[in-house]
C-alpha cells in the first residue's frame, strides 16, 4: 500500500509522534541528569548541570500529561475536538517543550518564547470562545449571551490561564532551582532589577495581546454572524 503525506501526517500520528518524543526525551534526560554535575566547572558555560535537566524533565512530564488530557476529554467527557485544534495543540507543545527547553531554542532562537506566548494567548482565547459557545448551546441553556460578553469571557479566560502558567513557572523555579522565568542567563549569571522581571512581564504582555486580538476577531465574528472561528469550536459528541 502506497503511503501518502495525507496518510502519514494524520492528527493521530502527529499526537503520537509528539508523545513519543516526550517519552524518549524523559529517558534521555534521566540518564544525562544522573551523570551531570551539580555545579558547572569554573569558566565552562557549555556544561549542563542537574538543575538544567530537572527543568527539561518537568516540562516533558507536563507535555505527557497534556497529551493524555486530550484522550481523557475525548473518551470520558465525549468532546469532539476539531482536528486543526488538536494539531496546533500538539505542535505548540513540541515547539515549547522539546524545541524550546530540550533543544534550547529559548536561548538560541531570537523571540522564540515571545512567538510561542503570543500564539498561546490567541489559542487560549479561541478555546475560551469554544468553551462558552459549548455551554451556551447546551439544551439546558436559558439565555443567549451577547457577543461582547462572550469576547470578554474569552479574553479573561486566556489571560487568567497565562497568569496561572507564570505562577507555575515561579513555583518551579522556587522549589527546584530551575530557570523557567529566565531570571538568569544560560551561563547561570543571575539578572537583577527589571532585567530579571523582563521575561515574565513580556510573557504576560504578549499573552494579553494575543488574547485581545482573537477576542476582537471572535466578537466581530459573532456580531456579524461569520464563521471565522468555527474550525476551533469544540462540540459534544452525538450519542447514537
C-alpha atoms as a PDB file:
ATOM      1  CA  UNK A   1       0.000   0.000   0.000  1.00  0.00           C
ATOM      2  CA  UNK A   2       1.417   3.333  -1.032  1.00  0.00           C
ATOM      3  CA  UNK A   3       1.772   5.805   1.825  1.00  0.00           C
ATOM      4  CA  UNK A   4       0.913   9.394   1.057  1.00  0.00           C
ATOM      5  CA  UNK A   5       1.653  12.532   3.047  1.00  0.00           C
ATOM      6  CA  UNK A   6      -2.046  12.769   3.897  1.00  0.00           C
ATOM      7  CA  UNK A   7      -1.988   9.286   5.431  1.00  0.00           C
ATOM      8  CA  UNK A   8       1.257   9.875   7.321  1.00  0.00           C
ATOM      9  CA  UNK A   9       0.507  13.313   8.766  1.00  0.00           C
ATOM     10  CA  UNK A  10      -2.829  12.472  10.304  1.00  0.00           C
ATOM     11  CA  UNK A  11      -3.944  14.097  13.554  1.00  0.00           C
ATOM     12  CA  UNK A  12      -3.479  10.816  15.431  1.00  0.00           C
ATOM     13  CA  UNK A  13       0.045  10.306  14.060  1.00  0.00           C
ATOM     14  CA  UNK A  14       1.073  13.855  14.949  1.00  0.00           C
ATOM     15  CA  UNK A  15      -0.116  13.385  18.535  1.00  0.00           C
ATOM     16  CA  UNK A  16       1.639  10.013  18.830  1.00  0.00           C
ATOM     17  CA  UNK A  17       4.863  11.484  17.409  1.00  0.00           C
ATOM     18  CA  UNK A  18       4.878  14.334  19.941  1.00  0.00           C
ATOM     19  CA  UNK A  19       4.081  11.936  22.800  1.00  0.00           C
ATOM     20  CA  UNK A  20       6.860   9.555  21.670  1.00  0.00           C
ATOM     21  CA  UNK A  21       9.286  12.493  21.530  1.00  0.00           C
ATOM     22  CA  UNK A  22       8.480  13.436  25.128  1.00  0.00           C
ATOM     23  CA  UNK A  23       8.831   9.862  26.412  1.00  0.00           C
ATOM     24  CA  UNK A  24      12.195   9.349  24.682  1.00  0.00           C
ATOM     25  CA  UNK A  25      13.336  12.746  25.976  1.00  0.00           C
ATOM     26  CA  UNK A  26      12.420  11.760  29.548  1.00  0.00           C
ATOM     27  CA  UNK A  27      14.566   8.630  29.321  1.00  0.00           C
ATOM     28  CA  UNK A  28      17.457  10.603  27.808  1.00  0.00           C
ATOM     29  CA  UNK A  29      17.145  13.355  30.429  1.00  0.00           C
ATOM     30  CA  UNK A  30      17.142  10.900  33.369  1.00  0.00           C
ATOM     31  CA  UNK A  31      20.339   9.289  32.097  1.00  0.00           C
ATOM     32  CA  UNK A  32      22.087  12.612  31.494  1.00  0.00           C
ATOM     33  CA  UNK A  33      20.861  14.046  34.809  1.00  0.00           C
ATOM     34  CA  UNK A  34      22.401  11.125  36.700  1.00  0.00           C
ATOM     35  CA  UNK A  35      25.883  11.885  35.327  1.00  0.00           C
ATOM     36  CA  UNK A  36      25.560  15.696  35.244  1.00  0.00           C
ATOM     37  CA  UNK A  37      27.454  17.773  37.818  1.00  0.00           C
ATOM     38  CA  UNK A  38      25.570  19.835  40.381  1.00  0.00           C
ATOM     39  CA  UNK A  39      27.691  22.887  39.609  1.00  0.00           C
ATOM     40  CA  UNK A  40      29.366  23.624  36.286  1.00  0.00           C
ATOM     41  CA  UNK A  41      33.188  23.696  36.242  1.00  0.00           C
ATOM     42  CA  UNK A  42      34.578  27.206  36.599  1.00  0.00           C
ATOM     43  CA  UNK A  43      34.634  29.052  33.306  1.00  0.00           C
ATOM     44  CA  UNK A  44      32.845  26.302  31.363  1.00  0.00           C
ATOM     45  CA  UNK A  45      29.396  27.605  30.322  1.00  0.00           C
ATOM     46  CA  UNK A  46      28.674  24.729  27.950  1.00  0.00           C
ATOM     47  CA  UNK A  47      28.206  22.064  30.633  1.00  0.00           C
ATOM     48  CA  UNK A  48      24.616  21.330  31.620  1.00  0.00           C
ATOM     49  CA  UNK A  49      24.082  20.843  35.347  1.00  0.00           C
ATOM     50  CA  UNK A  50      21.427  18.827  37.192  1.00  0.00           C
ATOM     51  CA  UNK A  51      19.179  21.887  37.510  1.00  0.00           C
ATOM     52  CA  UNK A  52      19.034  22.198  33.714  1.00  0.00           C
ATOM     53  CA  UNK A  53      17.864  18.610  33.366  1.00  0.00           C
ATOM     54  CA  UNK A  54      15.312  18.998  36.168  1.00  0.00           C
ATOM     55  CA  UNK A  55      13.673  21.776  34.150  1.00  0.00           C
ATOM     56  CA  UNK A  56      13.632  19.648  30.981  1.00  0.00           C
ATOM     57  CA  UNK A  57      12.214  16.695  32.922  1.00  0.00           C
ATOM     58  CA  UNK A  58       9.422  18.780  34.445  1.00  0.00           C
ATOM     59  CA  UNK A  59       8.430  20.199  31.077  1.00  0.00           C
ATOM     60  CA  UNK A  60       8.428  16.803  29.347  1.00  0.00           C
ATOM     61  CA  UNK A  61       6.277  15.304  32.107  1.00  0.00           C
ATOM     62  CA  UNK A  62       3.849  18.210  31.715  1.00  0.00           C
ATOM     63  CA  UNK A  63       3.827  17.501  27.970  1.00  0.00           C
ATOM     64  CA  UNK A  64       2.930  13.832  28.518  1.00  0.00           C
ATOM     65  CA  UNK A  65       0.054  14.782  30.828  1.00  0.00           C
ATOM     66  CA  UNK A  66      -1.102  17.432  28.333  1.00  0.00           C
ATOM     67  CA  UNK A  67      -1.364  14.813  25.574  1.00  0.00           C
ATOM     68  CA  UNK A  68      -3.071  12.374  27.953  1.00  0.00           C
ATOM     69  CA  UNK A  69      -5.608  15.084  28.814  1.00  0.00           C
ATOM     70  CA  UNK A  70      -6.810  15.085  25.213  1.00  0.00           C
ATOM     71  CA  UNK A  71      -7.538  11.361  25.378  1.00  0.00           C
ATOM     72  CA  UNK A  72      -9.452  11.878  28.630  1.00  0.00           C
ATOM     73  CA  UNK A  73     -11.565  14.680  27.144  1.00  0.00           C
ATOM     74  CA  UNK A  74     -12.389  12.666  24.037  1.00  0.00           C
ATOM     75  CA  UNK A  75     -13.084   9.338  25.762  1.00  0.00           C
ATOM     76  CA  UNK A  76     -14.569  10.316  29.124  1.00  0.00           C
ATOM     77  CA  UNK A  77     -16.114  13.756  28.577  1.00  0.00           C
ATOM     78  CA  UNK A  78     -17.115  12.864  24.990  1.00  0.00           C
ATOM     79  CA  UNK A  79     -15.905  16.057  23.377  1.00  0.00           C
ATOM     80  CA  UNK A  80     -15.469  16.403  19.633  1.00  0.00           C
ATOM     81  CA  UNK A  81     -12.287  18.466  19.313  1.00  0.00           C
ATOM     82  CA  UNK A  82     -11.547  19.796  15.784  1.00  0.00           C
ATOM     83  CA  UNK A  83      -8.507  18.278  14.080  1.00  0.00           C
ATOM     84  CA  UNK A  84      -6.972  21.691  13.394  1.00  0.00           C
ATOM     85  CA  UNK A  85      -7.083  22.499  17.114  1.00  0.00           C
ATOM     86  CA  UNK A  86      -5.523  19.139  18.030  1.00  0.00           C
ATOM     87  CA  UNK A  87      -2.671  19.582  15.556  1.00  0.00           C
ATOM     88  CA  UNK A  88      -1.996  23.162  16.697  1.00  0.00           C
ATOM     89  CA  UNK A  89      -2.033  21.967  20.310  1.00  0.00           C
ATOM     90  CA  UNK A  90       0.478  19.200  19.587  1.00  0.00           C
ATOM     91  CA  UNK A  91       2.755  21.428  17.512  1.00  0.00           C
ATOM     92  CA  UNK A  92       2.726  24.078  20.236  1.00  0.00           C
ATOM     93  CA  UNK A  93       3.733  21.520  22.889  1.00  0.00           C
ATOM     94  CA  UNK A  94       6.502  20.219  20.627  1.00  0.00           C
ATOM     95  CA  UNK A  95       7.836  23.727  19.957  1.00  0.00           C
ATOM     96  CA  UNK A  96       7.562  24.879  23.562  1.00  0.00           C
ATOM     97  CA  UNK A  97       8.873  21.788  25.359  1.00  0.00           C
ATOM     98  CA  UNK A  98      11.086  19.748  23.043  1.00  0.00           C
ATOM     99  CA  UNK A  99      12.496  22.524  20.875  1.00  0.00           C
ATOM    100  CA  UNK A 100      12.282  25.268  23.495  1.00  0.00           C
ATOM    101  CA  UNK A 101      13.670  23.510  26.564  1.00  0.00           C
ATOM    102  CA  UNK A 102      15.329  20.265  25.452  1.00  0.00           C
ATOM    103  CA  UNK A 103      16.940  21.779  22.344  1.00  0.00           C
ATOM    104  CA  UNK A 104      17.466  25.218  23.980  1.00  0.00           C
ATOM    105  CA  UNK A 105      15.610  27.246  21.328  1.00  0.00           C
ATOM    106  CA  UNK A 106      14.601  29.689  24.089  1.00  0.00           C
ATOM    107  CA  UNK A 107      18.231  30.697  24.384  1.00  0.00           C
ATOM    108  CA  UNK A 108      19.444  30.359  20.799  1.00  0.00           C
ATOM    109  CA  UNK A 109      16.485  31.396  18.604  1.00  0.00           C
ATOM    110  CA  UNK A 110      15.564  35.089  18.860  1.00  0.00           C
ATOM    111  CA  UNK A 111      11.978  35.788  20.030  1.00  0.00           C
ATOM    112  CA  UNK A 112      11.135  32.065  20.240  1.00  0.00           C
ATOM    113  CA  UNK A 113       9.500  32.493  23.661  1.00  0.00           C
ATOM    114  CA  UNK A 114       7.687  35.665  22.567  1.00  0.00           C
ATOM    115  CA  UNK A 115       6.216  33.995  19.488  1.00  0.00           C
ATOM    116  CA  UNK A 116       5.017  30.997  21.491  1.00  0.00           C
ATOM    117  CA  UNK A 117       3.393  33.128  24.186  1.00  0.00           C
ATOM    118  CA  UNK A 118       1.658  35.301  21.600  1.00  0.00           C
ATOM    119  CA  UNK A 119       0.360  32.174  19.884  1.00  0.00           C
ATOM    120  CA  UNK A 120      -0.735  30.606  23.178  1.00  0.00           C
ATOM    121  CA  UNK A 121      -2.622  33.767  24.173  1.00  0.00           C
ATOM    122  CA  UNK A 122      -4.534  33.685  20.886  1.00  0.00           C
ATOM    123  CA  UNK A 123      -5.123  29.921  21.115  1.00  0.00           C
ATOM    124  CA  UNK A 124      -6.438  30.182  24.676  1.00  0.00           C
ATOM    125  CA  UNK A 125      -8.721  32.992  23.573  1.00  0.00           C
ATOM    126  CA  UNK A 126     -10.123  30.739  20.833  1.00  0.00           C
ATOM    127  CA  UNK A 127     -10.527  27.979  23.434  1.00  0.00           C
ATOM    128  CA  UNK A 128     -12.448  30.403  25.657  1.00  0.00           C
ATOM    129  CA  UNK A 129     -14.836  31.153  22.777  1.00  0.00           C
ATOM    130  CA  UNK A 130     -15.263  27.446  22.171  1.00  0.00           C
ATOM    131  CA  UNK A 131     -16.000  26.666  25.830  1.00  0.00           C
ATOM    132  CA  UNK A 132     -18.608  29.378  26.321  1.00  0.00           C
ATOM    133  CA  UNK A 133     -20.157  28.533  22.957  1.00  0.00           C
ATOM    134  CA  UNK A 134     -20.402  24.897  24.077  1.00  0.00           C
ATOM    135  CA  UNK A 135     -22.126  25.937  27.298  1.00  0.00           C
ATOM    136  CA  UNK A 136     -24.400  28.465  25.606  1.00  0.00           C
ATOM    137  CA  UNK A 137     -25.550  25.922  23.010  1.00  0.00           C
ATOM    138  CA  UNK A 138     -26.441  23.266  25.577  1.00  0.00           C
ATOM    139  CA  UNK A 139     -30.074  22.258  25.871  1.00  0.00           C
ATOM    140  CA  UNK A 140     -30.247  23.481  29.446  1.00  0.00           C
ATOM    141  CA  UNK A 141     -29.172  26.999  28.498  1.00  0.00           C
ATOM    142  CA  UNK A 142     -31.953  29.520  29.007  1.00  0.00           C
ATOM    143  CA  UNK A 143     -30.096  32.638  27.916  1.00  0.00           C
ATOM    144  CA  UNK A 144     -28.365  33.809  24.789  1.00  0.00           C
ATOM    145  CA  UNK A 145     -25.118  35.568  25.598  1.00  0.00           C
ATOM    146  CA  UNK A 146     -24.176  38.763  23.774  1.00  0.00           C
ATOM    147  CA  UNK A 147     -21.087  38.832  21.503  1.00  0.00           C
ATOM    148  CA  UNK A 148     -19.451  41.403  23.799  1.00  0.00           C
ATOM    149  CA  UNK A 149     -19.853  39.170  26.871  1.00  0.00           C
ATOM    150  CA  UNK A 150     -18.527  36.107  25.024  1.00  0.00           C
ATOM    151  CA  UNK A 151     -15.497  38.096  23.825  1.00  0.00           C
ATOM    152  CA  UNK A 152     -14.869  39.411  27.345  1.00  0.00           C
ATOM    153  CA  UNK A 153     -15.084  35.893  28.782  1.00  0.00           C
ATOM    154  CA  UNK A 154     -12.657  34.546  26.169  1.00  0.00           C
ATOM    155  CA  UNK A 155     -10.209  37.378  26.870  1.00  0.00           C
ATOM    156  CA  UNK A 156     -10.347  36.922  30.657  1.00  0.00           C
ATOM    157  CA  UNK A 157     -10.108  33.130  30.280  1.00  0.00           C
ATOM    158  CA  UNK A 158      -6.934  33.362  28.183  1.00  0.00           C
ATOM    159  CA  UNK A 159      -5.223  35.991  30.337  1.00  0.00           C
ATOM    160  CA  UNK A 160      -6.059  34.083  33.535  1.00  0.00           C
ATOM    161  CA  UNK A 161      -4.553  30.844  32.223  1.00  0.00           C
ATOM    162  CA  UNK A 162      -1.498  32.808  31.079  1.00  0.00           C
ATOM    163  CA  UNK A 163      -1.120  34.187  34.614  1.00  0.00           C
ATOM    164  CA  UNK A 164      -1.527  30.707  36.127  1.00  0.00           C
ATOM    165  CA  UNK A 165       1.272  29.478  33.853  1.00  0.00           C
ATOM    166  CA  UNK A 166       3.552  32.248  35.145  1.00  0.00           C
ATOM    167  CA  UNK A 167       2.710  31.168  38.734  1.00  0.00           C
ATOM    168  CA  UNK A 168       3.668  27.615  37.766  1.00  0.00           C
ATOM    169  CA  UNK A 169       6.994  28.860  36.391  1.00  0.00           C
ATOM    170  CA  UNK A 170       7.694  30.839  39.571  1.00  0.00           C
ATOM    171  CA  UNK A 171       6.817  27.851  41.770  1.00  0.00           C
ATOM    172  CA  UNK A 172       9.061  25.519  39.764  1.00  0.00           C
ATOM    173  CA  UNK A 173      11.963  27.971  39.917  1.00  0.00           C
ATOM    174  CA  UNK A 174      11.495  28.475  43.662  1.00  0.00           C
ATOM    175  CA  UNK A 175      11.105  24.801  44.576  1.00  0.00           C
ATOM    176  CA  UNK A 176      13.509  23.119  42.155  1.00  0.00           C
ATOM    177  CA  UNK A 177      16.010  25.853  41.337  1.00  0.00           C
ATOM    178  CA  UNK A 178      15.108  25.867  37.629  1.00  0.00           C
ATOM    179  CA  UNK A 179      15.187  28.877  35.314  1.00  0.00           C
ATOM    180  CA  UNK A 180      11.753  28.835  33.673  1.00  0.00           C
ATOM    181  CA  UNK A 181      11.299  32.567  34.238  1.00  0.00           C
ATOM    182  CA  UNK A 182      14.684  33.201  32.634  1.00  0.00           C
ATOM    183  CA  UNK A 183      15.855  35.323  35.569  1.00  0.00           C
ATOM    184  CA  UNK A 184      19.376  34.102  34.766  1.00  0.00           C
ATOM    185  CA  UNK A 185      21.390  33.757  31.579  1.00  0.00           C
ATOM    186  CA  UNK A 186      22.262  30.350  30.145  1.00  0.00           C
ATOM    187  CA  UNK A 187      25.670  30.746  31.791  1.00  0.00           C
ATOM    188  CA  UNK A 188      23.973  30.886  35.197  1.00  0.00           C
ATOM    189  CA  UNK A 189      24.626  34.599  35.712  1.00  0.00           C
ATOM    190  CA  UNK A 190      21.668  35.993  37.665  1.00  0.00           C
ATOM    191  CA  UNK A 191      19.942  39.071  36.264  1.00  0.00           C
ATOM    192  CA  UNK A 192      18.909  41.936  38.541  1.00  0.00           C
ATOM    193  CA  UNK A 193      16.219  44.605  38.638  1.00  0.00           C
ATOM    194  CA  UNK A 194      13.946  44.965  35.632  1.00  0.00           C
ATOM    195  CA  UNK A 195      16.146  42.604  33.615  1.00  0.00           C
ATOM    196  CA  UNK A 196      15.147  39.757  35.945  1.00  0.00           C
ATOM    197  CA  UNK A 197      11.449  40.659  35.598  1.00  0.00           C
ATOM    198  CA  UNK A 198      11.552  41.255  31.859  1.00  0.00           C
ATOM    199  CA  UNK A 199      10.775  37.714  30.689  1.00  0.00           C
ATOM    200  CA  UNK A 200       7.760  37.287  32.979  1.00  0.00           C
ATOM    201  CA  UNK A 201       6.253  40.682  32.195  1.00  0.00           C
ATOM    202  CA  UNK A 202       6.910  40.267  28.482  1.00  0.00           C
ATOM    203  CA  UNK A 203       5.092  36.926  28.572  1.00  0.00           C
ATOM    204  CA  UNK A 204       2.087  38.499  30.315  1.00  0.00           C
ATOM    205  CA  UNK A 205       2.012  41.364  27.810  1.00  0.00           C
ATOM    206  CA  UNK A 206       2.174  39.198  24.676  1.00  0.00           C
ATOM    207  CA  UNK A 207      -0.357  36.754  26.170  1.00  0.00           C
ATOM    208  CA  UNK A 208      -2.695  39.721  26.610  1.00  0.00           C
ATOM    209  CA  UNK A 209      -2.070  40.962  23.066  1.00  0.00           C
ATOM    210  CA  UNK A 210      -2.754  37.516  21.587  1.00  0.00           C
ATOM    211  CA  UNK A 211      -5.892  37.066  23.687  1.00  0.00           C
ATOM    212  CA  UNK A 212      -7.113  40.569  22.851  1.00  0.00           C
ATOM    213  CA  UNK A 213      -6.613  40.042  19.130  1.00  0.00           C
ATOM    214  CA  UNK A 214      -8.521  36.767  18.962  1.00  0.00           C
ATOM    215  CA  UNK A 215     -11.239  38.147  21.253  1.00  0.00           C
ATOM    216  CA  UNK A 216     -11.776  41.068  18.875  1.00  0.00           C
ATOM    217  CA  UNK A 217     -11.919  38.705  15.896  1.00  0.00           C
ATOM    218  CA  UNK A 218     -14.361  36.499  17.770  1.00  0.00           C
ATOM    219  CA  UNK A 219     -16.526  39.456  18.723  1.00  0.00           C
ATOM    220  CA  UNK A 220     -16.791  40.596  15.106  1.00  0.00           C
ATOM    221  CA  UNK A 221     -17.424  37.001  14.021  1.00  0.00           C
ATOM    222  CA  UNK A 222     -20.368  36.669  16.405  1.00  0.00           C
ATOM    223  CA  UNK A 223     -21.746  40.143  15.860  1.00  0.00           C
ATOM    224  CA  UNK A 224     -21.827  39.824  12.083  1.00  0.00           C
ATOM    225  CA  UNK A 225     -22.535  36.062  12.092  1.00  0.00           C
ATOM    226  CA  UNK A 226     -19.327  34.997  10.379  1.00  0.00           C
ATOM    227  CA  UNK A 227     -17.718  31.564  10.675  1.00  0.00           C
ATOM    228  CA  UNK A 228     -14.156  32.722  11.316  1.00  0.00           C
ATOM    229  CA  UNK A 229     -13.715  30.610  14.492  1.00  0.00           C
ATOM    230  CA  UNK A 230     -15.746  27.560  13.504  1.00  0.00           C
ATOM    231  CA  UNK A 231     -12.576  25.498  12.964  1.00  0.00           C
ATOM    232  CA  UNK A 232     -11.792  25.930  16.683  1.00  0.00           C
ATOM    233  CA  UNK A 233     -15.228  25.101  18.018  1.00  0.00           C
ATOM    234  CA  UNK A 234     -15.405  22.145  20.409  1.00  0.00           C
ATOM    235  CA  UNK A 235     -18.680  20.229  20.375  1.00  0.00           C
ATOM    236  CA  UNK A 236     -20.302  17.425  22.285  1.00  0.00           C
ATOM    237  CA  UNK A 237     -20.110  14.088  20.525  1.00  0.00           C
ATOM    238  CA  UNK A 238     -23.523  12.876  19.436  1.00  0.00           C
ATOM    239  CA  UNK A 239     -24.579   9.779  21.300  1.00  0.00           C
ATOM    240  CA  UNK A 240     -26.159   7.250  18.959  1.00  0.00           C
END
